[in-house]
Amino acid sequence: MLKNNIINYIAKKHIAGTYLEDALAICRLAESSGWSTAISVWTREGVSFEENASKYHEIISAIINEKLNSYLSIKPSSINFNLKMFEQLACYASQEKMRIHFDSLSPDSADRYLKFLMEAITIYPLLGYTLPSRWRRSLLDAELISELNIPVRIVKGQWPDPDYKQINSRKNFLEIIKILAGKVPMIGIATHEKSLAEKAIEIASTTNTQYELEQFFSLPSVEKKLSQKYNLKKRLYVVYGEPYLPYNLRSANKRPAMIGWVLKDIFDLKPKTFNYLYATSIKDRNT
């Protein structure tokens, strides 16, 4: 097991920086290269729900002021599933008809997240929802969400299903796509595995559902390889705030590519991610 200080060192490479402006700088770079974006903030434990809501409000304001093709991603638990707080965010986001997207958390929070979605959508219909393919329940959740006519992001997810730890996340990923394709307005294909992304694109492209490839800004992107074959819409997910790993190290033994990510992070063998490209451009301007 890696020591905490090494994990923290790696985690710092996966945030744009401490402040919203750090994330906005990467969004500007991304959008100048034809990407849409999504912005979220990672906060530490102990931060008040009101402070988290304030940060989300700041992101909405920045997206509007910067005229970004972007949306806000939140974790409903970070505002304590408070409908009044959410309504205040929704009221502000409604000025630009901006999507507020619900990220996923751990399996034990899934019921509450889904319940909150059902409550929140009566207040603000421009919502999005994330389904992790590592959970068996996501198949049933996909059936339910397909009736809400909202965008859905499909991820593998960090946390395994406690009751089905051996679930085939790749197979489940594609099964979820099959359930949603043709029934929801947009599917976000959020994987850095080229073969999986390509299979998902092929399924979605046979229906009238729009789809986009969503990539985490600090991980190696498969966009260039896929753009040679597909006319892709592409979105970059950008985070700032507290350092946190965007992948689960416990899964490294099952995902060889992840081992490569860890080694590159530890030994500073930087892939050409947007995070790296922006940092390099800043360094070049200062020399």
Protein backbone atom coordinates (compact mmCIF):
# COMPACT_ATOMS: atom_id res chain seq x y z
CA MET A 1 0.00 0.00 0.00
CA LEU A 2 1.37 3.41 -0.92
CA LYS A 3 2.09 5.70 1.99
CA ASN A 4 -0.26 8.62 2.55
CA ASN A 5 2.33 11.23 1.56
CA ILE A 6 2.89 9.51 -1.81
CA ILE A 7 -0.87 9.26 -2.38
CA ASN A 8 -1.20 12.94 -1.58
CA TYR A 9 1.65 13.71 -4.01
CA ILE A 10 -0.13 11.80 -6.77
CA ALA A 11 -3.53 13.30 -5.92
CA LYS A 12 -2.24 16.85 -6.34
CA LYS A 13 -1.57 16.06 -9.99
CA HIS A 14 -5.28 15.43 -10.55
CA ILE A 15 -6.68 18.81 -9.58
CA ALA A 16 -6.37 21.94 -11.65
CA GLY A 17 -5.26 23.74 -8.52
CA THR A 18 -6.65 25.07 -5.27
CA TYR A 19 -8.85 27.79 -6.76
CA LEU A 20 -11.65 28.12 -9.28
CA GLU A 21 -9.45 30.29 -11.50
CA ASP A 22 -7.11 27.30 -11.90
CA ALA A 23 -9.98 25.25 -13.30
CA LEU A 24 -11.16 28.11 -15.52
CA ALA A 25 -7.71 28.43 -17.06
CA ILE A 26 -7.83 24.79 -18.17
CA CYS A 27 -11.41 25.21 -19.40
CA ARG A 28 -10.33 28.12 -21.57
CA LEU A 29 -7.51 26.04 -23.04
CA ALA A 30 -9.85 23.10 -23.62
CA GLU A 31 -12.59 25.14 -25.25
CA SER A 32 -10.06 26.83 -27.54
CA SER A 33 -9.27 23.29 -28.73
CA GLY A 34 -12.88 22.33 -29.44
CA TRP A 35 -13.85 20.75 -26.14
CA SER A 36 -16.88 21.43 -23.98
CA THR A 37 -16.23 21.26 -20.26
CA ALA A 38 -17.72 20.38 -16.89
CA ILE A 39 -16.49 21.88 -13.63
CA SER A 40 -16.58 20.52 -10.11
CA VAL A 41 -14.86 21.23 -6.82
CA TRP A 42 -13.49 18.66 -4.40
CA THR A 43 -13.76 19.75 -0.79
CA ARG A 44 -12.33 18.30 2.39
CA GLU A 45 -14.39 16.71 5.14
CA GLY A 46 -15.56 19.18 7.74
CA VAL A 47 -16.40 21.95 5.27
CA SER A 48 -19.90 23.24 5.95
CA PHE A 49 -22.71 22.46 3.54
CA GLU A 50 -23.26 26.21 3.16
CA GLU A 51 -19.64 26.70 2.07
CA ASN A 52 -19.95 23.91 -0.48
CA ALA A 53 -23.11 25.51 -1.86
CA SER A 54 -21.28 28.83 -2.06
CA LYS A 55 -18.51 27.24 -4.12
CA TYR A 56 -21.07 25.74 -6.50
CA HIS A 57 -22.66 29.17 -6.83
CA GLU A 58 -19.24 30.62 -7.73
CA ILE A 59 -18.79 27.98 -10.45
CA ILE A 60 -22.18 28.82 -11.99
CA SER A 61 -21.31 32.51 -11.94
CA ALA A 62 -17.93 31.88 -13.56
CA ILE A 63 -19.38 29.71 -16.32
CA ILE A 64 -21.90 32.45 -17.11
CA ASN A 65 -19.35 35.26 -17.01
CA GLU A 66 -16.79 33.35 -19.07
CA LYS A 67 -19.48 32.24 -21.55
CA LEU A 68 -18.16 28.69 -21.35
CA ASN A 69 -19.89 25.72 -22.96
CA SER A 70 -19.89 24.03 -19.59
CA TYR A 71 -22.03 22.73 -16.76
CA LEU A 72 -21.74 22.32 -13.00
CA SER A 73 -21.13 18.88 -11.48
CA ILE A 74 -22.06 18.44 -7.84
CA LYS A 75 -22.30 15.77 -5.20
CA PRO A 76 -25.72 16.19 -3.54
CA SER A 77 -24.29 14.86 -0.30
CA SER A 78 -22.00 17.92 -0.16
CA ILE A 79 -25.08 20.10 0.40
CA ASN A 80 -26.66 17.51 2.71
CA PHE A 81 -29.38 16.73 0.14
CA ASN A 82 -30.89 20.09 1.04
CA LEU A 83 -33.59 21.02 -1.47
CA LYS A 84 -33.60 24.66 -0.42
CA MET A 85 -29.86 24.95 -1.13
CA PHE A 86 -30.34 23.15 -4.40
CA GLU A 87 -33.22 25.41 -5.39
CA GLN A 88 -31.00 28.46 -4.88
CA LEU A 89 -28.37 26.95 -7.17
CA ALA A 90 -31.00 25.99 -9.73
CA CYS A 91 -32.48 29.48 -9.72
CA TYR A 92 -29.10 30.93 -10.60
CA ALA A 93 -28.28 28.23 -13.19
CA SER A 94 -31.65 28.76 -14.87
CA GLN A 95 -30.47 32.16 -16.15
CA GLU A 96 -28.43 30.34 -18.80
CA LYS A 97 -30.39 27.08 -18.81
CA MET A 98 -27.30 25.39 -17.42
CA ARG A 99 -27.20 21.71 -16.55
CA ILE A 100 -26.54 20.73 -12.96
CA HIS A 101 -25.12 17.24 -13.02
CA PHE A 102 -25.14 14.81 -10.10
CA ASP A 103 -21.87 12.93 -9.71
CA SER A 104 -21.90 9.50 -8.12
CA LEU A 105 -20.38 8.59 -4.79
CA SER A 106 -20.30 5.23 -3.02
CA PRO A 107 -22.85 2.41 -3.42
CA ASP A 108 -24.29 2.97 0.04
CA SER A 109 -25.32 6.49 -0.98
CA ALA A 110 -27.02 5.46 -4.24
CA ASP A 111 -30.57 5.21 -2.86
CA ARG A 112 -30.39 8.65 -1.34
CA TYR A 113 -28.86 10.13 -4.49
CA LEU A 114 -31.63 8.68 -6.62
CA LYS A 115 -34.30 9.87 -4.20
CA PHE A 116 -32.83 13.35 -4.26
CA LEU A 117 -32.80 13.32 -8.07
CA MET A 118 -36.51 12.55 -8.10
CA GLU A 119 -37.17 15.44 -5.73
CA ALA A 120 -34.81 17.90 -7.42
CA ILE A 121 -36.13 17.31 -10.93
CA THR A 122 -39.53 18.67 -9.85
CA ILE A 123 -37.73 21.93 -9.05
CA TYR A 124 -35.28 22.06 -11.95
CA PRO A 125 -35.55 19.74 -14.97
CA LEU A 126 -32.09 20.53 -16.42
CA LEU A 127 -30.34 17.83 -14.47
CA GLY A 128 -27.89 15.09 -15.33
CA TYR A 129 -27.04 11.90 -13.49
CA THR A 130 -24.06 9.54 -13.28
CA LEU A 131 -24.29 5.76 -13.36
CA PRO A 132 -21.27 3.62 -12.37
CA SER A 133 -20.99 0.35 -14.26
CA ARG A 134 -19.31 -1.36 -11.28
CA TRP A 135 -22.69 -1.52 -9.55
CA ARG A 136 -25.24 -4.13 -10.52
CA ARG A 137 -28.07 -1.84 -9.46
CA SER A 138 -27.12 0.62 -12.22
CA LEU A 139 -28.99 -1.54 -14.73
CA LEU A 140 -32.25 -1.02 -12.84
CA ASP A 141 -31.43 2.62 -12.16
CA ALA A 142 -30.85 3.12 -15.89
CA GLU A 143 -34.34 1.81 -16.64
CA LEU A 144 -35.81 4.26 -14.17
CA ILE A 145 -33.74 7.25 -15.27
CA SER A 146 -34.47 6.57 -18.95
CA GLU A 147 -38.01 7.82 -18.25
CA LEU A 148 -36.81 11.21 -16.97
CA ASN A 149 -35.42 12.51 -20.28
CA ILE A 150 -32.16 13.78 -18.78
CA PRO A 151 -28.49 13.39 -19.81
CA VAL A 152 -26.64 10.49 -18.22
CA ARG A 153 -22.91 10.05 -17.75
CA ILE A 154 -21.66 6.44 -17.66
CA VAL A 155 -18.48 5.74 -15.68
CA LYS A 156 -16.85 2.61 -14.38
CA GLY A 157 -16.69 4.19 -10.95
CA GLN A 158 -14.22 3.93 -8.10
CA TRP A 159 -16.22 1.94 -5.58
CA PRO A 160 -17.08 -1.73 -6.22
CA ASP A 161 -20.52 -3.16 -5.57
CA PRO A 162 -20.23 -4.69 -2.06
CA ASP A 163 -22.63 -7.50 -3.01
CA TYR A 164 -21.22 -8.18 -6.49
CA LYS A 165 -17.50 -7.48 -6.30
CA GLN A 166 -16.73 -9.64 -9.34
CA ILE A 167 -19.10 -7.80 -11.65
CA ASN A 168 -17.79 -7.27 -15.18
CA SER A 169 -17.73 -3.46 -15.31
CA ARG A 170 -16.98 -3.37 -19.04
CA LYS A 171 -19.94 -5.58 -19.91
CA ASN A 172 -22.17 -3.65 -17.53
CA PHE A 173 -21.01 -0.35 -19.06
CA LEU A 174 -22.25 -1.45 -22.48
CA GLU A 175 -25.48 -2.90 -21.08
CA ILE A 176 -26.27 0.45 -19.48
CA ILE A 177 -25.60 2.17 -22.82
CA LYS A 178 -28.02 -0.23 -24.50
CA ILE A 179 -30.74 0.55 -21.97
CA LEU A 180 -30.35 4.32 -22.32
CA ALA A 181 -29.62 4.72 -26.03
CA GLY A 182 -32.67 6.02 -27.85
CA LYS A 183 -34.38 7.00 -24.59
CA VAL A 184 -32.31 9.85 -23.15
CA PRO A 185 -31.19 13.05 -24.88
CA MET A 186 -27.47 12.66 -24.18
CA ILE A 187 -25.08 9.95 -23.02
CA GLY A 188 -21.70 10.90 -21.65
CA ILE A 189 -19.25 8.09 -22.39
CA ALA A 190 -16.76 8.63 -19.59
CA THR A 191 -13.96 6.11 -19.96
CA HIS A 192 -10.26 6.29 -20.81
CA GLU A 193 -10.33 2.78 -22.27
CA LYS A 194 -10.34 3.16 -26.05
CA SER A 195 -11.91 -0.18 -26.95
CA LEU A 196 -14.73 0.28 -24.44
CA ALA A 197 -15.39 3.85 -25.58
CA GLU A 198 -15.52 2.71 -29.20
CA LYS A 199 -18.02 -0.06 -28.48
CA ALA A 200 -20.18 2.39 -26.52
CA ILE A 201 -20.06 4.90 -29.39
CA GLU A 202 -21.11 2.22 -31.87
CA ILE A 203 -24.15 1.35 -29.75
CA ALA A 204 -25.21 4.95 -29.16
CA SER A 205 -24.67 6.00 -32.77
CA THR A 206 -27.37 3.64 -34.02
CA THR A 207 -30.04 5.64 -32.15
CA ASN A 208 -31.24 9.24 -32.04
CA THR A 209 -29.54 9.82 -28.69
CA GLN A 210 -26.67 12.28 -28.80
CA TYR A 211 -23.44 11.14 -27.19
CA GLU A 212 -20.15 12.67 -26.22
CA LEU A 213 -16.81 11.35 -25.05
CA GLU A 214 -16.07 12.70 -21.58
CA GLN A 215 -12.49 12.64 -20.36
CA PHE A 216 -11.01 13.48 -16.98
CA PHE A 217 -8.68 16.40 -17.62
CA SER A 218 -5.58 14.97 -15.89
CA LEU A 219 -5.67 11.46 -17.38
CA PRO A 220 -4.39 10.36 -20.81
CA SER A 221 -7.18 10.97 -23.32
CA VAL A 222 -8.30 8.52 -26.00
CA GLU A 223 -9.99 11.32 -27.95
CA LYS A 224 -7.39 11.64 -30.72
CA LYS A 225 -7.50 7.95 -31.54
CA LEU A 226 -11.28 7.93 -31.71
CA SER A 227 -11.63 11.23 -33.57
CA GLN A 228 -9.83 9.68 -36.52
CA LYS A 229 -12.82 7.41 -36.97
CA TYR A 230 -15.79 9.21 -35.39
CA ASN A 231 -17.15 12.74 -35.53
CA LEU A 232 -17.00 13.16 -31.77
CA LYS A 233 -18.45 15.66 -29.42
CA LYS A 234 -16.02 15.80 -26.53
CA ARG A 235 -16.13 17.16 -23.01
CA LEU A 236 -13.43 17.65 -20.41
CA TYR A 237 -14.24 17.14 -16.73
CA VAL A 238 -12.18 19.64 -14.72
CA VAL A 239 -11.87 19.76 -10.93
CA TYR A 240 -10.14 21.98 -8.43
CA GLY A 241 -9.91 22.17 -4.66
CA GLU A 242 -8.67 19.43 -2.34
CA PRO A 243 -6.32 16.75 -3.77
CA TYR A 244 -8.06 13.43 -4.40
CA LEU A 245 -7.33 10.42 -6.58
CA PRO A 246 -9.70 10.02 -9.56
CA TYR A 247 -9.10 6.27 -9.61
CA ASN A 248 -9.17 3.47 -7.06
CA LEU A 249 -5.70 2.03 -6.46
CA ARG A 250 -7.23 -1.23 -5.27
CA SER A 251 -8.32 -1.88 -8.84
CA ALA A 252 -4.82 -1.53 -10.27
CA ASN A 253 -4.22 -5.28 -10.31
CA LYS A 254 -7.24 -5.68 -12.62
CA ARG A 255 -6.52 -2.66 -14.79
CA PRO A 256 -2.95 -2.63 -16.15
CA ALA A 257 -3.39 0.86 -17.62
CA MET A 258 -3.94 2.18 -14.13
CA ILE A 259 -0.55 0.90 -13.04
CA GLY A 260 0.91 3.01 -15.83
CA TRP A 261 -1.00 6.06 -14.58
CA VAL A 262 0.37 5.57 -11.07
CA LEU A 263 3.96 5.12 -12.26
CA LYS A 264 3.75 8.19 -14.49
CA ASP A 265 2.39 10.19 -11.58
CA ILE A 266 5.07 8.99 -9.15
CA PHE A 267 8.02 9.44 -11.49
CA ASP A 268 6.67 12.57 -13.17
CA LEU A 269 6.48 10.90 -16.59
CA LYS A 270 3.73 13.28 -17.62
CA PRO A 271 1.37 12.33 -20.44
CA LYS A 272 0.11 15.22 -22.56
CA THR A 273 -3.03 15.89 -20.56
CA PHE A 274 -4.70 19.29 -20.44
CA ASN A 275 -3.40 19.70 -16.91
CA TYR A 276 0.16 19.15 -18.12
CA LEU A 277 -0.21 21.26 -21.26
CA TYR A 278 -1.53 24.20 -19.27
CA ALA A 279 1.21 23.92 -16.66
CA THR A 280 3.80 23.79 -19.46
CA SER A 281 2.36 26.87 -21.14
CA ILE A 282 2.57 28.79 -17.86
CA LYS A 283 6.17 27.67 -17.36
CA ASP A 284 7.08 28.73 -20.89
CA ARG A 285 5.55 32.19 -20.40
CA ASN A 286 7.53 32.67 -17.19
CA THR A 287 10.92 31.76 -18.69
